[in-house]
């Protein structure tokens, strides 16, 4: 039995795909404080997978208003 590790972080593009948004909309969610942002190696921006999963349960129209 193999266990696949759960991905803790995802890129902004991956988050946009999951949420059905574009990358600038994900950037707005970050700037409004709805998503945390982490810099990996000082360059790459990642967001927590758990937070994206929680936001995915909300109506898309609500996310677009943020």
Protein backbone atom coordinates (compact mmCIF):
# COMPACT_ATOMS: atom_id res chain seq x y z
CA UNK A 1 0.00 0.00 0.00
CA UNK A 2 1.48 3.34 -1.04
CA UNK A 3 0.48 6.59 0.54
CA UNK A 4 0.63 9.71 -1.59
CA UNK A 5 1.63 12.82 0.32
CA UNK A 6 -0.91 15.59 0.54
CA UNK A 7 0.24 18.74 -1.17
CA UNK A 8 0.36 21.58 1.38
CA UNK A 9 0.76 24.43 -1.09
CA UNK A 10 -0.22 25.17 -4.67
CA UNK A 11 0.71 27.85 -7.16
CA UNK A 12 -1.53 30.79 -7.92
CA UNK A 13 -2.28 29.28 -11.33
CA UNK A 14 -3.33 25.96 -9.76
CA UNK A 15 -5.52 27.82 -7.26
CA UNK A 16 -7.11 29.79 -10.09
CA UNK A 17 -7.92 26.55 -11.92
CA UNK A 18 -9.47 24.96 -8.83
CA UNK A 19 -11.54 28.06 -8.06
CA UNK A 20 -12.55 28.68 -11.67
CA UNK A 21 -10.97 32.14 -11.62
CA UNK A 22 -8.04 33.86 -13.28
CA UNK A 23 -4.70 34.62 -11.61
CA UNK A 24 -5.48 38.35 -11.01
CA UNK A 25 -8.63 37.28 -9.12
CA UNK A 26 -6.51 34.98 -6.93
CA UNK A 27 -4.15 37.92 -6.35
CA UNK A 28 -7.16 39.98 -5.19
CA UNK A 29 -8.15 37.21 -2.77
CA UNK A 30 -4.59 37.34 -1.39
CA UNK A 31 -4.58 41.14 -1.09
CA UNK A 32 -8.02 41.10 0.59
CA UNK A 33 -6.76 38.63 3.19
CA UNK A 34 -8.88 35.65 2.13
CA UNK A 35 -5.84 33.64 1.08
CA UNK A 36 -2.45 33.49 2.77
CA UNK A 37 0.62 33.90 0.60
CA UNK A 38 3.95 32.19 1.13
CA UNK A 39 7.15 32.85 -0.74
CA UNK A 40 9.25 29.80 -1.44
CA UNK A 41 12.96 30.46 -2.04
CA UNK A 42 12.14 34.16 -2.07
CA UNK A 43 10.61 34.00 -5.52
CA UNK A 44 7.75 31.55 -5.92
CA UNK A 45 4.36 32.47 -4.47
CA UNK A 46 2.30 29.61 -3.07
CA UNK A 47 -1.06 29.46 -1.32
CA UNK A 48 -2.27 26.85 1.19
CA UNK A 49 -4.21 24.01 -0.43
CA UNK A 50 -6.60 23.82 2.54
CA UNK A 51 -7.63 27.45 2.17
CA UNK A 52 -8.22 27.00 -1.55
CA UNK A 53 -10.37 23.94 -0.83
CA UNK A 54 -12.44 25.96 1.65
CA UNK A 55 -12.91 28.81 -0.82
CA UNK A 56 -13.92 26.31 -3.51
CA UNK A 57 -17.04 25.50 -1.47
CA UNK A 58 -18.24 29.11 -1.77
CA UNK A 59 -20.28 30.36 -4.74
CA UNK A 60 -18.06 31.60 -7.56
CA UNK A 61 -20.04 34.85 -7.77
CA UNK A 62 -19.11 35.63 -4.18
CA UNK A 63 -15.43 35.09 -4.93
CA UNK A 64 -15.60 37.43 -7.92
CA UNK A 65 -16.99 40.23 -5.72
CA UNK A 66 -14.02 40.08 -3.35
